[in-house]
Amino acid sequence: MKRLTDAEKCCKVVEALVSEDICQDIEFRIAVHKDYKITGHEVKLLNNKITKIYEFTHATNKHSCQAYHTDWLNDMKKTYADMKKHREF
């Protein structure tokens, strides 16, 4: 099996983050109940996911400030390894 690039790992992590049960549950509730209002807890969970997605994709893309985001890139790689270990993809 070929070794994945950081960008490929990032895509797998992002897909897994947005496919988690909480996202699917909220999406279903909104689709079924048009007037459904998400809770503060759900907002916090989604905000954390959006923040991680931004950090992981920003750190993976090649740009002038990439050297300043090695912590985000390392966090993405750790998240990828943890998800792979737990067979999330």
Protein backbone atom coordinates (compact mmCIF):
# COMPACT_ATOMS: atom_id res chain seq x y z
CA MET A 1 0.00 0.00 0.00
CA LYS A 2 1.33 3.43 -0.92
CA ARG A 3 2.21 5.92 1.78
CA LEU A 4 -0.35 8.73 1.97
CA THR A 5 0.66 12.35 1.65
CA ASP A 6 -0.25 14.79 4.40
CA ALA A 7 -2.99 16.20 2.15
CA GLU A 8 -4.48 12.72 1.63
CA LYS A 9 -4.37 12.06 5.38
CA CYS A 10 -6.03 15.42 5.99
CA CYS A 11 -8.86 14.57 3.58
CA LYS A 12 -9.50 11.31 5.41
CA VAL A 13 -9.53 13.09 8.79
CA VAL A 14 -11.89 15.82 7.56
CA GLU A 15 -14.25 13.27 6.03
CA ALA A 16 -14.30 11.30 9.27
CA LEU A 17 -14.93 14.44 11.35
CA VAL A 18 -17.95 15.49 9.31
CA SER A 19 -19.28 11.94 9.12
CA GLU A 20 -19.40 11.41 12.87
CA ASP A 21 -22.75 10.56 14.42
CA ILE A 22 -23.31 13.99 15.98
CA CYS A 23 -23.09 15.67 12.56
CA GLN A 24 -25.40 13.12 11.00
CA ASP A 25 -27.89 13.47 13.88
CA ILE A 26 -28.01 17.25 13.60
CA GLU A 27 -28.31 17.12 9.81
CA PHE A 28 -31.20 14.64 10.08
CA ARG A 29 -33.01 16.66 12.75
CA ILE A 30 -32.74 19.83 10.68
CA ALA A 31 -33.90 18.04 7.52
CA VAL A 32 -36.92 16.49 9.25
CA HIS A 33 -37.81 19.37 11.54
CA LYS A 34 -37.31 22.58 9.56
CA ASP A 35 -37.77 24.69 12.70
CA TYR A 36 -35.24 22.67 14.77
CA LYS A 37 -32.89 24.90 16.71
CA ILE A 38 -29.53 23.41 17.56
CA THR A 39 -28.52 23.45 21.21
CA GLY A 40 -25.59 25.31 22.73
CA HIS A 41 -23.84 21.98 23.23
CA GLU A 42 -24.27 21.10 19.55
CA VAL A 43 -22.99 24.52 18.53
CA LYS A 44 -19.87 24.01 20.65
CA LEU A 45 -19.25 20.54 19.15
CA LEU A 46 -19.69 21.82 15.61
CA ASN A 47 -17.51 24.86 16.29
CA ASN A 48 -14.72 22.58 17.55
CA LYS A 49 -15.00 20.45 14.40
CA ILE A 50 -14.93 23.51 12.13
CA THR A 51 -11.89 24.85 13.98
CA LYS A 52 -10.05 21.52 13.59
CA ILE A 53 -10.98 21.31 9.90
CA TYR A 54 -9.62 24.83 9.34
CA GLU A 55 -6.41 24.15 11.28
CA PHE A 56 -5.77 20.81 9.58
CA THR A 57 -6.44 22.04 6.03
CA HIS A 58 -4.56 25.32 6.56
CA ALA A 59 -1.52 23.54 7.97
CA THR A 60 -1.55 20.97 5.16
CA ASN A 61 -1.75 23.47 2.27
CA LYS A 62 1.51 24.92 1.02
CA HIS A 63 1.71 28.65 1.72
CA SER A 64 4.03 31.27 3.15
CA CYS A 65 3.01 30.84 6.81
CA GLN A 66 3.12 27.03 6.83
CA ALA A 67 6.24 26.96 9.01
CA TYR A 68 4.26 28.64 11.79
CA HIS A 69 1.64 25.88 11.85
CA THR A 70 3.70 22.76 12.50
CA ASP A 71 1.71 22.19 15.69
CA TRP A 72 -1.53 22.03 13.67
CA LEU A 73 0.09 19.70 11.14
CA ASN A 74 1.39 17.46 13.92
CA ASP A 75 -2.09 17.45 15.52
CA MET A 76 -3.59 16.38 12.17
CA LYS A 77 -1.04 13.56 11.84
CA LYS A 78 -1.77 12.41 15.40
CA THR A 79 -5.52 12.55 14.78
CA TYR A 80 -5.03 10.53 11.58
CA ALA A 81 -2.98 7.91 13.41
CA ASP A 82 -5.55 7.68 16.24
CA MET A 83 -8.47 7.36 13.81
CA LYS A 84 -6.63 4.73 11.78
CA LYS A 85 -5.79 2.81 14.96
CA HIS A 86 -9.47 2.88 16.01
CA ARG A 87 -10.51 1.85 12.48
CA GLU A 88 -12.54 4.98 11.82
CA PHE A 89 -11.53 4.65 8.16
